[in-house]
Each structure stands twice: as C-alpha cells, then as structure tokens.
N, C-alpha and C. Protein backbone atom coordinates (compact mmCIF):
# COMPACT_ATOMS: atom_id res chain seq x y z
N MET A 1 -3.32 9.09 8.75
CA MET A 1 -4.65 9.03 8.22
C MET A 1 -5.26 7.68 8.57
N ALA A 2 -6.46 7.68 9.03
CA ALA A 2 -7.14 6.43 9.34
C ALA A 2 -8.25 6.22 8.34
N VAL A 3 -8.54 5.00 8.13
CA VAL A 3 -9.62 4.68 7.23
C VAL A 3 -10.70 4.03 8.08
N HIS A 4 -11.84 4.65 8.15
CA HIS A 4 -12.93 4.12 8.95
C HIS A 4 -14.04 3.63 8.05
N ARG A 5 -14.59 2.49 8.42
CA ARG A 5 -15.68 1.92 7.64
C ARG A 5 -16.93 2.75 7.85
N ARG A 6 -17.60 3.10 6.77
CA ARG A 6 -18.87 3.81 6.84
C ARG A 6 -20.03 2.82 6.78
N SER A 7 -19.89 1.84 5.93
CA SER A 7 -20.96 0.85 5.79
C SER A 7 -20.33 -0.50 5.51
N ARG A 8 -21.07 -1.55 5.77
CA ARG A 8 -20.58 -2.91 5.54
C ARG A 8 -21.37 -3.56 4.42
N LEU A 9 -20.67 -4.37 3.66
CA LEU A 9 -21.34 -5.18 2.65
C LEU A 9 -21.55 -6.56 3.26
N ARG A 10 -22.70 -7.10 3.13
CA ARG A 10 -23.04 -8.39 3.74
C ARG A 10 -22.97 -9.52 2.72
N ALA A 11 -23.34 -10.70 3.16
CA ALA A 11 -23.45 -11.90 2.31
C ALA A 11 -22.12 -12.29 1.69
N GLY A 12 -21.05 -12.15 2.46
CA GLY A 12 -19.75 -12.63 1.99
C GLY A 12 -19.05 -11.74 0.98
N LEU A 13 -19.60 -10.58 0.70
CA LEU A 13 -18.94 -9.69 -0.25
C LEU A 13 -17.83 -8.93 0.46
N GLY A 14 -16.70 -8.78 -0.19
CA GLY A 14 -15.59 -8.04 0.39
C GLY A 14 -15.81 -6.55 0.23
N VAL A 15 -15.07 -5.79 0.99
CA VAL A 15 -15.13 -4.34 0.91
C VAL A 15 -13.90 -3.88 0.14
N LEU A 16 -14.08 -2.99 -0.81
CA LEU A 16 -12.98 -2.48 -1.61
C LEU A 16 -12.71 -1.03 -1.24
N ALA A 17 -11.47 -0.75 -0.82
CA ALA A 17 -11.07 0.62 -0.50
C ALA A 17 -9.84 0.92 -1.33
N VAL A 18 -9.76 2.13 -1.82
CA VAL A 18 -8.59 2.54 -2.60
C VAL A 18 -7.97 3.75 -1.92
N ILE A 19 -6.67 3.66 -1.66
CA ILE A 19 -5.92 4.75 -1.06
C ILE A 19 -4.87 5.16 -2.07
N VAL A 20 -4.62 6.44 -2.23
CA VAL A 20 -3.66 6.90 -3.22
C VAL A 20 -2.50 7.60 -2.52
N LEU A 21 -1.28 7.18 -2.84
CA LEU A 21 -0.08 7.87 -2.38
C LEU A 21 0.38 8.78 -3.52
N VAL A 22 0.49 10.06 -3.26
CA VAL A 22 0.87 11.02 -4.29
C VAL A 22 2.21 11.64 -3.91
N PRO A 23 3.25 11.45 -4.73
CA PRO A 23 4.53 12.07 -4.40
C PRO A 23 4.43 13.60 -4.45
N SER A 24 4.98 14.24 -3.47
CA SER A 24 4.94 15.70 -3.40
C SER A 24 6.37 16.21 -3.42
N ALA A 25 6.94 16.32 -4.62
CA ALA A 25 8.32 16.78 -4.84
C ALA A 25 9.30 15.98 -4.00
N PHE A 26 9.04 14.70 -3.84
CA PHE A 26 9.87 13.78 -3.08
C PHE A 26 10.05 14.20 -1.62
N LEU A 27 9.20 15.06 -1.13
CA LEU A 27 9.32 15.50 0.25
C LEU A 27 8.28 14.86 1.15
N GLY A 28 7.41 14.10 0.62
CA GLY A 28 6.36 13.46 1.40
C GLY A 28 5.23 13.04 0.49
N TYR A 29 4.14 12.67 1.06
CA TYR A 29 3.02 12.17 0.28
C TYR A 29 1.73 12.73 0.82
N SER A 30 0.81 12.93 -0.06
CA SER A 30 -0.52 13.37 0.31
C SER A 30 -1.46 12.18 0.14
N TRP A 31 -2.43 12.10 1.00
CA TRP A 31 -3.43 11.04 0.90
C TRP A 31 -4.68 11.61 0.27
N LEU A 32 -5.27 10.87 -0.65
CA LEU A 32 -6.51 11.29 -1.29
C LEU A 32 -7.60 10.30 -0.94
N ARG A 33 -8.81 10.78 -0.84
CA ARG A 33 -9.94 9.91 -0.55
C ARG A 33 -10.52 9.39 -1.84
N PHE A 34 -10.74 8.08 -1.90
CA PHE A 34 -11.32 7.44 -3.08
C PHE A 34 -12.46 6.55 -2.62
N GLY A 35 -13.51 6.50 -3.36
CA GLY A 35 -14.60 5.58 -3.06
C GLY A 35 -15.49 6.09 -1.94
N SER A 36 -16.54 5.32 -1.64
CA SER A 36 -17.50 5.76 -0.63
C SER A 36 -17.51 4.88 0.60
N THR A 37 -16.75 3.80 0.60
CA THR A 37 -16.81 2.89 1.74
C THR A 37 -15.91 3.34 2.88
N PHE A 38 -14.77 3.91 2.57
CA PHE A 38 -13.82 4.30 3.59
C PHE A 38 -13.55 5.80 3.55
N GLU A 39 -13.28 6.37 4.70
CA GLU A 39 -12.90 7.77 4.80
C GLU A 39 -11.46 7.82 5.28
N VAL A 40 -10.58 8.44 4.52
CA VAL A 40 -9.16 8.46 4.83
C VAL A 40 -8.86 9.64 5.74
N GLU A 41 -8.30 9.37 6.92
CA GLU A 41 -7.91 10.43 7.85
C GLU A 41 -6.45 10.29 8.25
N ARG A 42 -5.96 9.08 8.42
CA ARG A 42 -4.56 8.83 8.76
C ARG A 42 -4.11 7.58 8.02
N SER A 43 -2.83 7.23 8.12
CA SER A 43 -2.32 6.08 7.38
C SER A 43 -2.58 4.77 8.13
N GLU A 44 -3.81 4.59 8.55
CA GLU A 44 -4.22 3.37 9.22
C GLU A 44 -5.48 2.84 8.55
N ILE A 45 -5.54 1.53 8.39
CA ILE A 45 -6.69 0.90 7.77
C ILE A 45 -7.20 -0.16 8.74
N VAL A 46 -8.48 -0.20 8.96
CA VAL A 46 -9.11 -1.25 9.75
C VAL A 46 -10.06 -1.99 8.83
N VAL A 47 -9.83 -3.29 8.66
CA VAL A 47 -10.66 -4.10 7.78
C VAL A 47 -11.08 -5.36 8.50
N ASP A 48 -12.09 -6.00 8.00
CA ASP A 48 -12.53 -7.29 8.53
C ASP A 48 -11.86 -8.41 7.76
N ARG A 49 -11.70 -9.54 8.41
CA ARG A 49 -11.11 -10.71 7.74
C ARG A 49 -11.93 -11.03 6.50
N GLY A 50 -11.25 -11.25 5.39
CA GLY A 50 -11.92 -11.54 4.13
C GLY A 50 -12.12 -10.32 3.25
N ASP A 51 -11.93 -9.11 3.82
CA ASP A 51 -12.07 -7.88 3.02
C ASP A 51 -10.93 -7.77 2.01
N THR A 52 -11.21 -7.12 0.90
CA THR A 52 -10.20 -6.81 -0.10
C THR A 52 -10.05 -5.29 -0.14
N PHE A 53 -8.81 -4.82 -0.15
CA PHE A 53 -8.57 -3.39 -0.22
C PHE A 53 -7.37 -3.15 -1.13
N SER A 54 -7.28 -1.93 -1.66
CA SER A 54 -6.21 -1.59 -2.59
C SER A 54 -5.51 -0.31 -2.16
N ILE A 55 -4.23 -0.24 -2.47
CA ILE A 55 -3.45 0.97 -2.28
C ILE A 55 -2.90 1.33 -3.64
N SER A 56 -3.19 2.54 -4.09
CA SER A 56 -2.77 2.98 -5.42
C SER A 56 -1.63 3.97 -5.26
N THR A 57 -0.54 3.77 -6.02
CA THR A 57 0.60 4.67 -5.96
C THR A 57 0.75 5.37 -7.29
N MET A 58 1.03 6.67 -7.25
CA MET A 58 1.24 7.46 -8.46
C MET A 58 2.64 7.17 -8.98
N ASP A 59 2.76 6.75 -10.24
CA ASP A 59 4.07 6.44 -10.81
C ASP A 59 4.86 7.71 -11.10
N VAL A 60 6.18 7.62 -10.94
CA VAL A 60 7.10 8.74 -11.18
C VAL A 60 8.13 8.28 -12.20
N PRO A 61 8.33 9.01 -13.30
CA PRO A 61 9.30 8.59 -14.32
C PRO A 61 10.68 8.35 -13.71
N GLY A 62 11.29 7.22 -14.07
CA GLY A 62 12.61 6.89 -13.58
C GLY A 62 12.63 6.19 -12.24
N TYR A 63 11.46 6.05 -11.60
CA TYR A 63 11.37 5.40 -10.30
C TYR A 63 10.34 4.28 -10.35
N ARG A 64 10.47 3.37 -9.42
CA ARG A 64 9.45 2.35 -9.22
C ARG A 64 9.08 2.37 -7.74
N TRP A 65 7.85 2.01 -7.46
CA TRP A 65 7.43 1.89 -6.07
C TRP A 65 7.87 0.53 -5.57
N HIS A 66 8.45 0.52 -4.39
CA HIS A 66 8.87 -0.70 -3.74
C HIS A 66 8.05 -0.80 -2.46
N TYR A 67 7.66 -1.98 -2.08
CA TYR A 67 6.93 -2.12 -0.83
C TYR A 67 7.35 -3.39 -0.13
N ARG A 68 7.16 -3.38 1.16
CA ARG A 68 7.51 -4.54 1.97
C ARG A 68 6.55 -4.62 3.14
N GLY A 69 6.34 -5.84 3.60
CA GLY A 69 5.51 -6.05 4.77
C GLY A 69 6.35 -5.89 6.02
N ILE A 70 5.76 -5.36 7.06
CA ILE A 70 6.41 -5.20 8.34
C ILE A 70 5.49 -5.81 9.38
N GLY A 71 6.05 -6.49 10.36
CA GLY A 71 5.22 -7.14 11.36
C GLY A 71 4.86 -8.52 10.87
N ASP A 72 3.59 -8.78 10.71
CA ASP A 72 3.13 -10.11 10.28
C ASP A 72 2.45 -10.00 8.92
N PRO A 73 3.24 -9.99 7.83
CA PRO A 73 2.62 -9.82 6.50
C PRO A 73 1.80 -11.03 6.08
N GLN A 74 1.90 -12.15 6.81
CA GLN A 74 1.10 -13.32 6.45
C GLN A 74 -0.39 -13.09 6.70
N LEU A 75 -0.72 -11.98 7.34
CA LEU A 75 -2.13 -11.64 7.53
C LEU A 75 -2.80 -11.30 6.20
N LEU A 76 -1.98 -10.94 5.20
CA LEU A 76 -2.49 -10.44 3.93
C LEU A 76 -2.06 -11.33 2.78
N THR A 77 -2.90 -11.40 1.77
CA THR A 77 -2.53 -12.01 0.50
C THR A 77 -2.41 -10.88 -0.51
N HIS A 78 -1.26 -10.78 -1.14
CA HIS A 78 -1.05 -9.73 -2.14
C HIS A 78 -1.51 -10.23 -3.50
N LYS A 79 -2.30 -9.44 -4.20
CA LYS A 79 -2.80 -9.82 -5.52
C LYS A 79 -2.37 -8.78 -6.53
N GLY A 80 -1.06 -8.59 -6.67
CA GLY A 80 -0.56 -7.53 -7.54
C GLY A 80 0.21 -8.05 -8.72
N ASP A 81 1.16 -7.25 -9.16
CA ASP A 81 1.90 -7.54 -10.38
C ASP A 81 3.09 -8.45 -10.15
N SER A 82 3.40 -8.81 -8.93
CA SER A 82 4.56 -9.64 -8.65
C SER A 82 4.18 -10.73 -7.66
N PRO A 83 4.66 -11.96 -7.87
CA PRO A 83 4.34 -13.03 -6.94
C PRO A 83 5.14 -12.95 -5.65
N LYS A 84 6.19 -12.11 -5.61
CA LYS A 84 7.01 -12.00 -4.42
C LYS A 84 6.34 -11.13 -3.38
N TRP A 85 6.14 -11.66 -2.22
CA TRP A 85 5.54 -10.92 -1.11
C TRP A 85 6.16 -11.46 0.16
N PRO A 86 6.63 -10.65 1.08
CA PRO A 86 6.28 -9.25 1.26
C PRO A 86 7.20 -8.25 0.58
N SER A 87 8.32 -8.67 -0.01
CA SER A 87 9.24 -7.68 -0.58
C SER A 87 9.24 -7.80 -2.09
N SER A 88 8.60 -6.85 -2.77
CA SER A 88 8.54 -6.92 -4.22
C SER A 88 8.32 -5.54 -4.81
N TYR A 89 8.43 -5.46 -6.11
CA TYR A 89 8.27 -4.18 -6.80
C TYR A 89 6.88 -4.01 -7.37
N ALA A 90 6.46 -2.78 -7.43
CA ALA A 90 5.28 -2.41 -8.19
C ALA A 90 5.83 -1.61 -9.36
N THR A 91 5.99 -2.24 -10.50
CA THR A 91 6.69 -1.60 -11.60
C THR A 91 5.87 -0.53 -12.27
N GLY A 92 4.57 -0.67 -12.30
CA GLY A 92 3.74 0.34 -12.92
C GLY A 92 3.95 0.40 -14.42
N GLY A 93 3.52 1.41 -15.04
CA GLY A 93 3.62 1.58 -16.47
C GLY A 93 2.65 2.65 -16.92
N GLY A 94 1.78 3.02 -16.02
CA GLY A 94 0.81 4.06 -16.33
C GLY A 94 0.93 5.15 -15.30
N PRO A 95 -0.10 5.94 -15.17
CA PRO A 95 -0.03 7.01 -14.17
C PRO A 95 -0.07 6.47 -12.74
N THR A 96 -0.67 5.29 -12.54
CA THR A 96 -0.73 4.71 -11.19
C THR A 96 -0.52 3.20 -11.26
N THR A 97 -0.16 2.64 -10.13
CA THR A 97 -0.07 1.19 -9.96
C THR A 97 -0.97 0.83 -8.80
N LEU A 98 -1.80 -0.19 -8.97
CA LEU A 98 -2.73 -0.60 -7.93
C LEU A 98 -2.21 -1.86 -7.25
N HIS A 99 -2.12 -1.82 -5.92
CA HIS A 99 -1.67 -2.95 -5.11
C HIS A 99 -2.90 -3.44 -4.34
N THR A 100 -3.34 -4.64 -4.60
CA THR A 100 -4.56 -5.16 -3.98
C THR A 100 -4.21 -6.27 -3.01
N PHE A 101 -4.81 -6.21 -1.83
CA PHE A 101 -4.57 -7.18 -0.77
C PHE A 101 -5.89 -7.75 -0.28
N THR A 102 -5.86 -8.98 0.20
CA THR A 102 -6.99 -9.58 0.89
C THR A 102 -6.56 -9.87 2.32
N ALA A 103 -7.40 -9.50 3.28
CA ALA A 103 -7.11 -9.72 4.70
C ALA A 103 -7.50 -11.15 5.05
N ASP A 104 -6.50 -11.99 5.37
CA ASP A 104 -6.74 -13.41 5.60
C ASP A 104 -6.95 -13.77 7.06
N THR A 105 -6.20 -13.15 7.96
CA THR A 105 -6.18 -13.54 9.36
C THR A 105 -6.25 -12.30 10.24
N ALA A 106 -6.95 -12.38 11.37
CA ALA A 106 -7.04 -11.24 12.28
C ALA A 106 -5.68 -10.94 12.88
N GLY A 107 -5.38 -9.65 13.06
CA GLY A 107 -4.12 -9.22 13.64
C GLY A 107 -3.75 -7.84 13.14
N HIS A 108 -2.46 -7.49 13.35
CA HIS A 108 -1.99 -6.16 12.96
C HIS A 108 -0.69 -6.29 12.17
N THR A 109 -0.57 -5.52 11.09
CA THR A 109 0.65 -5.50 10.29
C THR A 109 0.76 -4.14 9.63
N SER A 110 1.77 -3.95 8.83
CA SER A 110 1.87 -2.71 8.06
C SER A 110 2.61 -2.99 6.76
N VAL A 111 2.42 -2.10 5.81
CA VAL A 111 3.10 -2.17 4.53
C VAL A 111 3.82 -0.84 4.36
N SER A 112 5.10 -0.88 4.00
CA SER A 112 5.89 0.33 3.80
C SER A 112 6.16 0.50 2.31
N PHE A 113 5.86 1.69 1.79
CA PHE A 113 6.07 2.00 0.37
C PHE A 113 7.14 3.07 0.26
N PHE A 114 8.03 2.95 -0.72
CA PHE A 114 8.96 4.03 -1.01
C PHE A 114 9.34 4.03 -2.47
N LEU A 115 9.71 5.20 -2.98
CA LEU A 115 10.16 5.35 -4.36
C LEU A 115 11.59 4.88 -4.47
N CYS A 116 11.91 4.22 -5.59
CA CYS A 116 13.24 3.66 -5.75
C CYS A 116 13.63 3.67 -7.23
N ALA A 117 14.84 4.17 -7.52
CA ALA A 117 15.35 4.13 -8.89
C ALA A 117 16.06 2.81 -9.15
N GLN A 118 16.85 2.35 -8.20
CA GLN A 118 17.57 1.08 -8.32
C GLN A 118 17.57 0.41 -6.96
N CYS A 119 16.75 -0.62 -6.80
CA CYS A 119 16.65 -1.27 -5.50
C CYS A 119 17.20 -2.69 -5.51
N GLY A 120 17.36 -3.30 -6.67
CA GLY A 120 17.73 -4.71 -6.70
C GLY A 120 16.66 -5.52 -6.01
N ASP A 121 17.06 -6.58 -5.31
CA ASP A 121 16.10 -7.37 -4.55
C ASP A 121 16.14 -7.01 -3.08
N GLN A 122 16.71 -5.86 -2.76
CA GLN A 122 16.81 -5.40 -1.38
C GLN A 122 15.47 -4.83 -0.94
N SER A 123 15.31 -4.71 0.37
CA SER A 123 14.10 -4.08 0.88
C SER A 123 14.36 -2.61 1.20
N GLU A 124 15.55 -2.11 0.87
CA GLU A 124 15.90 -0.70 1.04
C GLU A 124 16.52 -0.21 -0.27
N PRO A 125 16.48 1.09 -0.55
CA PRO A 125 17.13 1.61 -1.76
C PRO A 125 18.63 1.35 -1.72
N THR A 126 19.22 0.98 -2.84
CA THR A 126 20.65 0.67 -2.89
C THR A 126 21.47 1.77 -3.53
N ASP A 127 20.84 2.72 -4.22
CA ASP A 127 21.61 3.79 -4.85
C ASP A 127 21.40 5.10 -4.09
N GLU A 128 22.39 5.99 -4.20
CA GLU A 128 22.35 7.25 -3.45
C GLU A 128 21.16 8.12 -3.85
N ARG A 129 20.85 8.18 -5.14
CA ARG A 129 19.73 8.99 -5.61
C ARG A 129 18.42 8.55 -4.95
N SER A 130 18.21 7.24 -4.87
CA SER A 130 16.98 6.75 -4.25
C SER A 130 16.99 6.98 -2.75
N ARG A 131 18.15 6.80 -2.10
CA ARG A 131 18.21 7.02 -0.66
C ARG A 131 17.87 8.47 -0.31
N ARG A 132 18.34 9.41 -1.12
CA ARG A 132 18.09 10.82 -0.83
C ARG A 132 16.64 11.22 -1.14
N SER A 133 16.02 10.59 -2.12
CA SER A 133 14.69 11.02 -2.56
C SER A 133 13.56 10.14 -2.04
N SER A 134 13.90 9.08 -1.35
CA SER A 134 12.89 8.13 -0.91
C SER A 134 12.41 8.45 0.50
N HIS A 135 11.13 8.63 0.64
CA HIS A 135 10.53 8.89 1.94
C HIS A 135 9.48 7.81 2.18
N PRO A 136 9.84 6.75 2.90
CA PRO A 136 8.89 5.65 3.09
C PRO A 136 7.57 6.14 3.70
N GLN A 137 6.51 5.57 3.21
CA GLN A 137 5.18 5.85 3.73
C GLN A 137 4.61 4.54 4.24
N GLN A 138 4.36 4.45 5.54
CA GLN A 138 3.82 3.21 6.09
C GLN A 138 2.31 3.27 6.18
N VAL A 139 1.68 2.17 5.84
CA VAL A 139 0.25 2.01 5.99
C VAL A 139 0.04 0.94 7.05
N GLN A 140 -0.52 1.33 8.18
CA GLN A 140 -0.80 0.39 9.27
C GLN A 140 -2.12 -0.31 8.96
N ILE A 141 -2.14 -1.63 9.13
CA ILE A 141 -3.33 -2.40 8.78
C ILE A 141 -3.73 -3.28 9.97
N THR A 142 -4.96 -3.12 10.41
CA THR A 142 -5.52 -3.97 11.46
C THR A 142 -6.64 -4.79 10.83
N VAL A 143 -6.54 -6.10 11.00
CA VAL A 143 -7.56 -7.01 10.48
C VAL A 143 -8.36 -7.53 11.66
N ARG A 144 -9.68 -7.30 11.63
CA ARG A 144 -10.56 -7.76 12.73
C ARG A 144 -11.15 -9.12 12.42
C-alpha cells in the first residue's frame, strides 16, 4: 500500500497521516484509510522533511506490538511511549496504540511491526508462540 499526498499544508505546518494495522487472525494485516491527507494503497509512505505522521496498531490481548527501524532509522524521530528507538515496544493499553514519527532528514528507511507475547529487549520474538503467530508488517518510508 502506498500513501500518496493529496494536498500540502504550507507555512511550516506538518502533515499528519494515520495508518492502521489490523490483525487478521494472526495471518496478516489489513490496511485502513484514515484522514483526508493521504490515500493508503500499499505499505509505502512518502513524506516531506519536517512532516509528522502516525502509524496506529490495533492491540491484541496477551500481545504487544514491537517495532524496529530498518535501513537508516535516524531519518525519523519517534515520539511514542518509549524513549528507545529504533527497537522498542508499543505497550498499548487500549484498543489501539499510536506511533508518531517526524521526518528529520531526506532519504529512505522502513519500520517493521510485529505482534509479540514475550520479546525481551530483542528485535525478534523470543518465544515459540510469538514466532508462530507473528507476521511482520513493514512500512517503507521515503523522506523528500
């Protein structure tokens, strides 16, 4: 899914896009369209430097969303529930957890999300239950 800009906000205002990952019986994820600025077609996002965007994950009882940066995660500043970036947990507590990033530097990177019951501080699931039920979903991010 790709996210294409429909309109730009001027005068230094950032653009806010929300993407939702929805677990589908642990067999994959569906993408939902949120907001009016971006249209979701593939798991790719194109943003301008200075833009702010969010990825929302649906919480699953007994699991936490884990995410990690791949490529050059220094392109992004994470503004979420954990100071650890690029490898940290989104613990959630409600129906969804919102992960907000700001695009700092032009380039290309990606963020990989997966469900995890017990991950420790690893960037991969450490228990068998999580390994069998975890299907990483990568979001490719290009910063212009």
